[in-house]
Amino acid sequence: MNRRRSAQRARDMKMNRLLMAAFALVLFIGVCAQIAMMARLSGQNKLVVQTRKEIRALSASADNLYLGLSQYHNLERIAARAEQLGMEQPDETQLRVVNLPTVIDSTSTQSADSSGAEEMID
């Protein structure tokens, strides 16, 4: 009987060691998987931060471009630049010539004063 108990005890010890080794292996694999997942999340977080910085920079650049574009559409600035170039407003005695690309043979002329809506067709 004593042999039986010692054989049983030896099997139990062997089974305990095997279960402990399996538990340690599962625990090791779990820790490795956790570390790999955290590394992946950290990499993705860095990518998100970099993309957000890029978005902010592009947004600021777009705002600057819109500001520059609105400055070029400023009528007072256009009038001042035209005056610098020697341009002047037309008066009523001058004629405007309008060429329409679809009508090749016909040219329409209008007086500079558009309130009268005079039109002469050649």
N, C-alpha and C. Protein backbone atom coordinates (compact mmCIF):
# COMPACT_ATOMS: atom_id res chain seq x y z
N MET A 1 0.79 -1.19 0.00
CA MET A 1 0.00 0.00 0.00
C MET A 1 0.85 1.27 0.00
N ASN A 2 1.91 1.17 0.66
CA ASN A 2 2.81 2.30 0.72
C ASN A 2 3.38 2.59 -0.66
N ARG A 3 3.65 1.51 -1.42
CA ARG A 3 4.14 1.71 -2.77
C ARG A 3 3.08 2.36 -3.64
N ARG A 4 1.87 1.93 -3.43
CA ARG A 4 0.78 2.49 -4.20
C ARG A 4 0.65 3.99 -3.93
N ARG A 5 0.74 4.35 -2.68
CA ARG A 5 0.63 5.78 -2.32
C ARG A 5 1.81 6.57 -2.88
N SER A 6 2.97 6.04 -2.80
CA SER A 6 4.13 6.75 -3.32
C SER A 6 4.06 6.85 -4.85
N ALA A 7 3.54 5.81 -5.53
CA ALA A 7 3.38 5.87 -6.97
C ALA A 7 2.32 6.92 -7.33
N GLN A 8 1.23 6.94 -6.54
CA GLN A 8 0.17 7.93 -6.75
C GLN A 8 0.71 9.33 -6.51
N ARG A 9 1.49 9.45 -5.44
CA ARG A 9 2.07 10.74 -5.11
C ARG A 9 3.04 11.19 -6.21
N ALA A 10 3.81 10.29 -6.76
CA ALA A 10 4.76 10.61 -7.83
C ALA A 10 4.00 11.06 -9.08
N ARG A 11 2.89 10.34 -9.40
CA ARG A 11 2.07 10.75 -10.55
C ARG A 11 1.46 12.12 -10.31
N ASP A 12 0.98 12.36 -9.10
CA ASP A 12 0.39 13.67 -8.78
C ASP A 12 1.44 14.78 -8.90
N MET A 13 2.64 14.50 -8.40
CA MET A 13 3.71 15.50 -8.48
C MET A 13 4.08 15.77 -9.95
N LYS A 14 4.13 14.68 -10.73
CA LYS A 14 4.44 14.83 -12.14
C LYS A 14 3.35 15.63 -12.84
N MET A 15 2.07 15.33 -12.51
CA MET A 15 0.94 16.06 -13.09
C MET A 15 0.97 17.52 -12.65
N ASN A 16 1.29 17.77 -11.38
CA ASN A 16 1.38 19.15 -10.88
C ASN A 16 2.47 19.93 -11.62
N ARG A 17 3.61 19.29 -11.85
CA ARG A 17 4.69 19.95 -12.58
C ARG A 17 4.26 20.25 -14.02
N LEU A 18 3.59 19.27 -14.60
CA LEU A 18 3.12 19.46 -15.97
C LEU A 18 2.11 20.60 -16.04
N LEU A 19 1.17 20.62 -15.10
CA LEU A 19 0.17 21.70 -15.07
C LEU A 19 0.82 23.05 -14.79
N MET A 20 1.82 23.06 -13.91
CA MET A 20 2.53 24.32 -13.61
C MET A 20 3.29 24.80 -14.85
N ALA A 21 3.90 23.88 -15.58
CA ALA A 21 4.62 24.25 -16.79
C ALA A 21 3.64 24.78 -17.84
N ALA A 22 2.47 24.11 -17.97
CA ALA A 22 1.45 24.58 -18.92
C ALA A 22 0.95 25.96 -18.52
N PHE A 23 0.71 26.16 -17.23
CA PHE A 23 0.25 27.45 -16.73
C PHE A 23 1.31 28.54 -17.00
N ALA A 24 2.57 28.21 -16.75
CA ALA A 24 3.66 29.17 -16.98
C ALA A 24 3.76 29.50 -18.47
N LEU A 25 3.58 28.48 -19.33
CA LEU A 25 3.62 28.71 -20.77
C LEU A 25 2.48 29.62 -21.22
N VAL A 26 1.27 29.33 -20.73
CA VAL A 26 0.11 30.17 -21.07
C VAL A 26 0.32 31.59 -20.57
N LEU A 27 0.83 31.72 -19.35
CA LEU A 27 1.09 33.04 -18.79
C LEU A 27 2.15 33.78 -19.62
N PHE A 28 3.21 33.09 -20.02
CA PHE A 28 4.26 33.71 -20.83
C PHE A 28 3.71 34.16 -22.18
N ILE A 29 2.91 33.31 -22.82
CA ILE A 29 2.31 33.67 -24.11
C ILE A 29 1.37 34.86 -23.94
N GLY A 30 0.60 34.89 -22.88
CA GLY A 30 -0.30 36.02 -22.61
C GLY A 30 0.45 37.31 -22.40
N VAL A 31 1.55 37.26 -21.67
CA VAL A 31 2.35 38.46 -21.43
C VAL A 31 2.98 38.94 -22.74
N CYS A 32 3.47 38.02 -23.55
CA CYS A 32 4.05 38.41 -24.85
C CYS A 32 2.99 39.03 -25.75
N ALA A 33 1.80 38.44 -25.77
CA ALA A 33 0.72 38.99 -26.59
C ALA A 33 0.33 40.38 -26.09
N GLN A 34 0.29 40.57 -24.78
CA GLN A 34 -0.05 41.87 -24.20
C GLN A 34 0.99 42.91 -24.59
N ILE A 35 2.26 42.55 -24.52
CA ILE A 35 3.34 43.48 -24.88
C ILE A 35 3.25 43.84 -26.36
N ALA A 36 2.99 42.83 -27.20
CA ALA A 36 2.88 43.09 -28.63
C ALA A 36 1.70 44.00 -28.92
N MET A 37 0.58 43.79 -28.24
CA MET A 37 -0.60 44.62 -28.44
C MET A 37 -0.33 46.06 -27.98
N MET A 38 0.36 46.21 -26.87
CA MET A 38 0.67 47.56 -26.38
C MET A 38 1.64 48.27 -27.33
N ALA A 39 2.58 47.52 -27.91
CA ALA A 39 3.51 48.12 -28.87
C ALA A 39 2.76 48.57 -30.12
N ARG A 40 1.82 47.75 -30.58
CA ARG A 40 1.03 48.12 -31.75
C ARG A 40 0.19 49.35 -31.46
N LEU A 41 -0.46 49.40 -30.29
CA LEU A 41 -1.27 50.56 -29.92
C LEU A 41 -0.41 51.81 -29.80
N SER A 42 0.78 51.66 -29.26
CA SER A 42 1.69 52.81 -29.14
C SER A 42 2.08 53.33 -30.52
N GLY A 43 2.36 52.43 -31.44
CA GLY A 43 2.69 52.84 -32.80
C GLY A 43 1.54 53.54 -33.48
N GLN A 44 0.33 53.01 -33.29
CA GLN A 44 -0.85 53.65 -33.88
C GLN A 44 -1.11 55.01 -33.24
N ASN A 45 -0.88 55.11 -31.94
CA ASN A 45 -1.08 56.39 -31.26
C ASN A 45 -0.09 57.44 -31.80
N LYS A 46 1.16 57.03 -32.03
CA LYS A 46 2.14 57.96 -32.60
C LYS A 46 1.71 58.40 -33.99
N LEU A 47 1.17 57.47 -34.77
CA LEU A 47 0.70 57.80 -36.11
C LEU A 47 -0.47 58.78 -36.05
N VAL A 48 -1.38 58.58 -35.10
CA VAL A 48 -2.53 59.48 -34.93
C VAL A 48 -2.05 60.89 -34.55
N VAL A 49 -1.11 60.96 -33.63
CA VAL A 49 -0.57 62.27 -33.20
C VAL A 49 0.10 62.97 -34.38
N GLN A 50 0.88 62.23 -35.15
CA GLN A 50 1.56 62.81 -36.31
C GLN A 50 0.53 63.29 -37.35
N THR A 51 -0.51 62.50 -37.57
CA THR A 51 -1.54 62.88 -38.54
C THR A 51 -2.29 64.12 -38.07
N ARG A 52 -2.57 64.21 -36.78
CA ARG A 52 -3.25 65.40 -36.25
C ARG A 52 -2.38 66.64 -36.42
N LYS A 53 -1.08 66.51 -36.19
CA LYS A 53 -0.18 67.65 -36.41
C LYS A 53 -0.20 68.07 -37.87
N GLU A 54 -0.19 67.08 -38.74
CA GLU A 54 -0.22 67.36 -40.18
C GLU A 54 -1.53 68.05 -40.56
N ILE A 55 -2.64 67.59 -39.97
CA ILE A 55 -3.94 68.21 -40.25
C ILE A 55 -3.95 69.66 -39.79
N ARG A 56 -3.40 69.91 -38.60
CA ARG A 56 -3.34 71.29 -38.09
C ARG A 56 -2.49 72.17 -39.01
N ALA A 57 -1.36 71.64 -39.45
CA ALA A 57 -0.48 72.42 -40.33
C ALA A 57 -1.16 72.70 -41.67
N LEU A 58 -1.82 71.70 -42.24
CA LEU A 58 -2.50 71.90 -43.51
C LEU A 58 -3.69 72.85 -43.37
N SER A 59 -4.37 72.77 -42.23
CA SER A 59 -5.50 73.66 -41.98
C SER A 59 -5.01 75.11 -41.86
N ALA A 60 -3.90 75.31 -41.16
CA ALA A 60 -3.33 76.65 -41.03
C ALA A 60 -2.88 77.17 -42.40
N SER A 61 -2.29 76.28 -43.20
CA SER A 61 -1.87 76.68 -44.54
C SER A 61 -3.07 77.06 -45.40
N ALA A 62 -4.14 76.28 -45.31
CA ALA A 62 -5.36 76.60 -46.08
C ALA A 62 -5.95 77.93 -45.63
N ASP A 63 -5.96 78.17 -44.31
CA ASP A 63 -6.46 79.45 -43.81
C ASP A 63 -5.62 80.61 -44.34
N ASN A 64 -4.29 80.43 -44.37
CA ASN A 64 -3.42 81.48 -44.91
C ASN A 64 -3.67 81.72 -46.39
N LEU A 65 -3.90 80.63 -47.12
CA LEU A 65 -4.18 80.78 -48.55
C LEU A 65 -5.51 81.49 -48.77
N TYR A 66 -6.54 81.16 -47.97
CA TYR A 66 -7.82 81.85 -48.09
C TYR A 66 -7.69 83.32 -47.75
N LEU A 67 -6.87 83.63 -46.74
CA LEU A 67 -6.64 85.02 -46.38
C LEU A 67 -5.97 85.76 -47.52
N GLY A 68 -4.94 85.14 -48.10
CA GLY A 68 -4.26 85.76 -49.24
C GLY A 68 -5.20 85.94 -50.42
N LEU A 69 -6.05 84.95 -50.66
CA LEU A 69 -7.00 85.03 -51.76
C LEU A 69 -8.02 86.15 -51.52
N SER A 70 -8.47 86.28 -50.28
CA SER A 70 -9.43 87.34 -49.99
C SER A 70 -8.77 88.72 -50.12
N GLN A 71 -7.49 88.81 -49.84
CA GLN A 71 -6.79 90.08 -50.03
C GLN A 71 -6.70 90.43 -51.51
N TYR A 72 -6.55 89.45 -52.36
CA TYR A 72 -6.50 89.72 -53.79
C TYR A 72 -7.87 90.08 -54.35
N HIS A 73 -8.95 89.70 -53.68
CA HIS A 73 -10.29 90.05 -54.12
C HIS A 73 -10.79 91.36 -53.51
N ASN A 74 -9.95 92.04 -52.78
CA ASN A 74 -10.31 93.30 -52.16
C ASN A 74 -10.40 94.37 -53.26
N LEU A 75 -11.60 94.95 -53.44
CA LEU A 75 -11.82 95.90 -54.52
C LEU A 75 -11.00 97.17 -54.36
N GLU A 76 -10.80 97.61 -53.13
CA GLU A 76 -10.00 98.82 -52.91
C GLU A 76 -8.55 98.58 -53.32
N ARG A 77 -8.03 97.41 -53.01
CA ARG A 77 -6.67 97.07 -53.40
C ARG A 77 -6.54 96.99 -54.92
N ILE A 78 -7.55 96.41 -55.56
CA ILE A 78 -7.54 96.30 -57.02
C ILE A 78 -7.59 97.70 -57.65
N ALA A 79 -8.43 98.57 -57.09
CA ALA A 79 -8.53 99.93 -57.62
C ALA A 79 -7.21 100.68 -57.44
N ALA A 80 -6.56 100.52 -56.29
CA ALA A 80 -5.28 101.19 -56.04
C ALA A 80 -4.21 100.66 -56.99
N ARG A 81 -4.19 99.35 -57.23
CA ARG A 81 -3.20 98.76 -58.15
C ARG A 81 -3.46 99.21 -59.59
N ALA A 82 -4.73 99.30 -59.98
CA ALA A 82 -5.07 99.77 -61.33
C ALA A 82 -4.64 101.22 -61.50
N GLU A 83 -4.80 102.01 -60.46
CA GLU A 83 -4.39 103.41 -60.51
C GLU A 83 -2.87 103.51 -60.63
N GLN A 84 -2.15 102.64 -59.94
CA GLN A 84 -0.68 102.62 -60.05
C GLN A 84 -0.24 102.28 -61.46
N LEU A 85 -1.00 101.43 -62.12
CA LEU A 85 -0.66 101.02 -63.48
C LEU A 85 -1.13 102.03 -64.53
N GLY A 86 -1.78 103.11 -64.09
CA GLY A 86 -2.21 104.15 -65.01
C GLY A 86 -3.58 103.90 -65.62
N MET A 87 -4.33 103.01 -65.06
CA MET A 87 -5.67 102.74 -65.59
C MET A 87 -6.65 103.75 -65.00
N GLU A 88 -7.72 104.00 -65.70
CA GLU A 88 -8.73 104.93 -65.21
C GLU A 88 -10.12 104.42 -65.57
N GLN A 89 -11.12 104.91 -64.86
CA GLN A 89 -12.51 104.50 -65.10
C GLN A 89 -12.97 105.04 -66.45
N PRO A 90 -13.72 104.26 -67.22
CA PRO A 90 -14.22 104.76 -68.51
C PRO A 90 -15.33 105.79 -68.29
N ASP A 91 -15.47 106.71 -69.23
CA ASP A 91 -16.58 107.67 -69.13
C ASP A 91 -17.64 107.31 -70.18
N GLU A 92 -18.70 108.13 -70.23
CA GLU A 92 -19.84 107.80 -71.09
C GLU A 92 -19.52 107.91 -72.58
N THR A 93 -18.50 108.64 -72.93
CA THR A 93 -18.20 108.83 -74.35
C THR A 93 -17.46 107.64 -74.96
N GLN A 94 -16.92 106.78 -74.14
CA GLN A 94 -16.17 105.64 -74.64
C GLN A 94 -17.11 104.48 -74.95
N LEU A 95 -16.67 103.59 -75.81
CA LEU A 95 -17.46 102.43 -76.20
C LEU A 95 -16.81 101.15 -75.68
N ARG A 96 -17.64 100.18 -75.36
CA ARG A 96 -17.17 98.85 -75.00
C ARG A 96 -17.43 97.92 -76.17
N VAL A 97 -16.49 97.10 -76.51
CA VAL A 97 -16.66 96.14 -77.60
C VAL A 97 -16.72 94.76 -76.97
N VAL A 98 -17.77 94.01 -77.30
CA VAL A 98 -17.96 92.68 -76.75
C VAL A 98 -17.93 91.69 -77.90
N ASN A 99 -16.99 90.78 -77.88
CA ASN A 99 -16.90 89.70 -78.86
C ASN A 99 -17.37 88.42 -78.19
N LEU A 100 -18.38 87.80 -78.71
CA LEU A 100 -18.84 86.53 -78.19
C LEU A 100 -18.22 85.41 -79.01
N PRO A 101 -17.69 84.39 -78.35
CA PRO A 101 -16.99 83.35 -79.10
C PRO A 101 -17.91 82.53 -80.01
N THR A 102 -19.20 82.45 -79.72
CA THR A 102 -20.10 81.65 -80.56
C THR A 102 -20.50 82.39 -81.82
N VAL A 103 -20.52 83.73 -81.75
CA VAL A 103 -20.90 84.52 -82.92
C VAL A 103 -19.63 85.15 -83.47
N ILE A 104 -19.13 84.61 -84.56
CA ILE A 104 -17.85 85.07 -85.10
C ILE A 104 -18.03 86.32 -85.96
N ASP A 105 -19.10 86.38 -86.72
CA ASP A 105 -19.29 87.48 -87.67
C ASP A 105 -19.80 88.75 -87.01
N SER A 106 -20.48 88.65 -85.89
CA SER A 106 -21.14 89.80 -85.30
C SER A 106 -20.37 90.31 -84.10
N THR A 107 -20.19 91.62 -84.02
CA THR A 107 -19.55 92.25 -82.88
C THR A 107 -20.52 93.26 -82.30
N SER A 108 -20.69 93.22 -81.00
CA SER A 108 -21.62 94.11 -80.33
C SER A 108 -20.83 95.18 -79.60
N THR A 109 -21.29 96.44 -79.68
CA THR A 109 -20.65 97.53 -78.96
C THR A 109 -21.68 98.19 -78.07
N GLN A 110 -21.23 98.61 -76.90
CA GLN A 110 -22.10 99.30 -75.95
C GLN A 110 -21.36 100.51 -75.44
N SER A 111 -22.13 101.50 -75.02
CA SER A 111 -21.48 102.66 -74.43
C SER A 111 -21.01 102.29 -73.02
N ALA A 112 -20.05 103.03 -72.51
CA ALA A 112 -19.52 102.76 -71.20
C ALA A 112 -20.55 102.99 -70.12
N ASP A 113 -21.49 103.87 -70.35
CA ASP A 113 -22.58 104.10 -69.41
C ASP A 113 -23.61 103.02 -69.65
N SER A 114 -23.70 102.04 -68.77
CA SER A 114 -24.57 100.89 -69.00
C SER A 114 -26.01 101.16 -68.61
N SER A 115 -26.30 102.34 -68.07
CA SER A 115 -27.69 102.64 -67.66
C SER A 115 -28.59 102.84 -68.88
N GLY A 116 -28.03 103.40 -69.98
CA GLY A 116 -28.81 103.63 -71.18
C GLY A 116 -29.04 102.37 -71.98
N ALA A 117 -28.17 101.39 -71.83
CA ALA A 117 -28.24 100.11 -72.51
C ALA A 117 -28.32 100.28 -74.01
N GLU A 118 -27.56 101.22 -74.52
CA GLU A 118 -27.52 101.40 -75.98
C GLU A 118 -26.70 100.27 -76.57
N GLU A 119 -27.12 99.81 -77.69
CA GLU A 119 -26.37 98.74 -78.33
C GLU A 119 -26.36 98.97 -79.82
N MET A 120 -25.19 98.85 -80.39
CA MET A 120 -25.06 98.98 -81.83
C MET A 120 -24.45 97.69 -82.34
N ILE A 121 -25.05 97.11 -83.35
CA ILE A 121 -24.53 95.87 -83.91
C ILE A 121 -23.99 96.17 -85.29
N ASP A 122 -22.76 95.75 -85.55
CA ASP A 122 -22.15 95.97 -86.86
C ASP A 122 -22.65 94.96 -87.86
